[in-house]
Protein backbone atom coordinates (compact mmCIF):
# COMPACT_ATOMS: atom_id res chain seq x y z
CA GLY A 1 -34.27 -16.56 67.47
CA ALA A 2 -32.22 -14.36 65.22
CA ALA A 3 -31.40 -17.18 62.78
CA VAL A 4 -35.09 -17.75 62.02
CA VAL A 5 -35.74 -14.01 61.71
CA SER A 6 -32.80 -13.63 59.33
CA ALA A 7 -33.93 -16.56 57.18
CA CYS A 8 -37.47 -15.21 56.96
CA ALA A 9 -36.27 -11.70 56.17
CA ARG A 10 -34.00 -13.05 53.42
CA ALA A 11 -36.89 -15.04 51.89
CA VAL A 12 -39.07 -11.94 51.89
CA LEU A 13 -36.30 -9.86 50.29
CA ASP A 14 -35.66 -12.57 47.69
CA ALA A 15 -39.35 -12.39 46.78
CA GLY A 16 -38.94 -8.68 46.05
CA ARG A 17 -40.82 -7.56 49.14
CA VAL A 18 -39.90 -5.47 52.17
CA PRO A 19 -39.69 -7.45 55.41
CA TYR A 20 -41.52 -6.07 58.42
CA TYR A 21 -40.89 -7.02 62.04
CA SER A 22 -43.29 -6.21 64.83
CA THR A 23 -43.21 -6.96 68.53
CA ASP A 24 -44.68 -5.69 71.75
CA LEU A 25 -42.86 -2.76 73.32
CA SER A 26 -42.19 -4.85 76.43
CA ASN A 27 -40.69 -7.81 74.52
CA LEU A 28 -37.04 -6.84 74.82
CA LYS A 29 -35.66 -10.21 73.67
CA SER A 30 -37.67 -10.00 70.46
CA GLN A 31 -36.52 -6.43 69.90
CA ALA A 32 -32.90 -7.50 70.41
CA ALA A 33 -33.29 -10.32 67.86
CA ALA A 34 -34.72 -7.87 65.34
CA LEU A 35 -31.84 -5.45 65.89
CA ARG A 36 -29.28 -8.26 65.45
CA CYS A 37 -30.89 -9.04 62.09
CA GLY A 38 -30.64 -5.47 60.85
CA PHE A 39 -34.15 -4.24 61.54
CA VAL A 40 -34.35 -0.72 62.93
CA PRO A 41 -37.15 0.81 65.00
CA ALA A 42 -39.46 2.91 62.84
CA TRP A 43 -42.37 3.69 65.16
CA THR A 44 -44.09 2.65 68.34
CA GLU A 45 -47.68 2.46 69.45
CA ALA A 46 -49.12 3.33 72.83
CA TYR A 47 -52.51 2.50 74.25
CA VAL A 48 -54.40 4.14 77.08
CA TYR A 49 -57.11 2.39 79.04
CA VAL A 50 -60.25 4.46 79.64
CA PRO A 51 -62.76 2.90 82.05
CA ARG A 52 -66.05 2.08 80.34
CA GLN A 53 -68.05 4.57 82.41
CA GLN A 54 -65.75 7.40 81.27
CA ARG A 55 -65.87 6.58 77.55
CA VAL A 56 -67.72 8.91 75.21
CA ASP A 57 -68.81 7.48 71.86
CA GLY A 58 -66.69 8.96 69.08
CA ASP A 59 -64.41 10.88 71.45
CA TYR A 60 -61.38 8.65 71.04
CA LEU A 61 -58.89 11.40 71.88
CA GLY A 62 -60.68 12.60 75.02
CA LEU A 63 -61.19 16.06 73.54
CA GLY A 64 -64.59 16.44 75.19
CA ARG A 65 -62.89 16.59 78.57
CA LEU A 66 -60.76 19.45 77.24
CA GLY A 67 -63.76 21.45 76.04
CA GLN A 68 -63.16 20.62 72.38
CA ALA A 69 -65.51 18.88 69.98
CA PRO A 70 -64.97 15.13 69.63
CA VAL A 71 -63.66 13.72 66.36
CA SER A 72 -66.48 12.10 64.43
CA THR A 73 -65.93 8.76 62.73
CA GLN A 74 -69.33 8.91 61.03
CA PRO A 75 -69.61 9.96 57.37
CA ALA A 76 -70.75 13.54 56.87
């Protein structure tokens, strides 16, 4: 709970580091504990499932379906 989070955050701060708290977007209890301990939301991540048969190698943004060139992850 919040007591453990607070103790860990304090230990990290005492070590001269910046504490970081991460949880799944759907884990509301964990988010509430983080907020009670003074953590504030900084960003969120979202994932989209693309069925295997619709995946295009290197086209992680789906730009090929929009008529744009896919983003290459290979060195030039």
